[in-house]
Amino acid sequence: EVQLVESGGGLVQAGGSLRLSCATSGFTFDSYTIGWFRQAPGKEREPVSCINSRKDYRYYTNSVQGRFTISDDQNKNTVYLQMDNLKPEDTAVYFCTAGWGVPQGVCEDYGMGSWGKGILVTVSS
C-alpha cells in the first residue's frame, strides 16, 4: 500500500522559511514521480513542484520558482520541499503526491494516483 506522510508545516512570518517532508512507503521510490500540490482557502488544488522518477528533473510552478526547492533522500525514501522567502499567498494545505508512469515535465493531478492527507502552511504578513 502506497503511503505518503507529510510533516513540517506550521505558522511562519512572511520572508521566513519552512521545510516540508514527505515520507513515502509501499512503492519503489525511484519508479515514481513525486510532487507537492497545494490548496488555498476557496481555491482549487494546484501543482507546486514535482520531481521525476529518476530524480533528475524538477518542475516548479512560476509563482514559487527561485523560492522553493524540491529534493529527495533515496536512503530515507523521503522528498522535501524547502520553502524560502515565504509570502502570505503561499498559505495553503500542502499535499504530497506520487504517480507511476508520469511523463517527464508533467506535474498535474491526473498523473498522480496517491495522495497524502495534507499539511497546513500559514504565512502571516
Foldseek 3Di string as FASTA:
>chain_A
DKAWAKDWADEEAAQAKIKIKIQIDDDQQLQKKKFKWWDDPPGDIGTAKIAGSNRPAMDGDPVQVPFWDWHDDNVRSMIMIIGGRDDQVVWTWMKMFIAGPDDPPDDDPVRTDDIHPTDTHGYHD
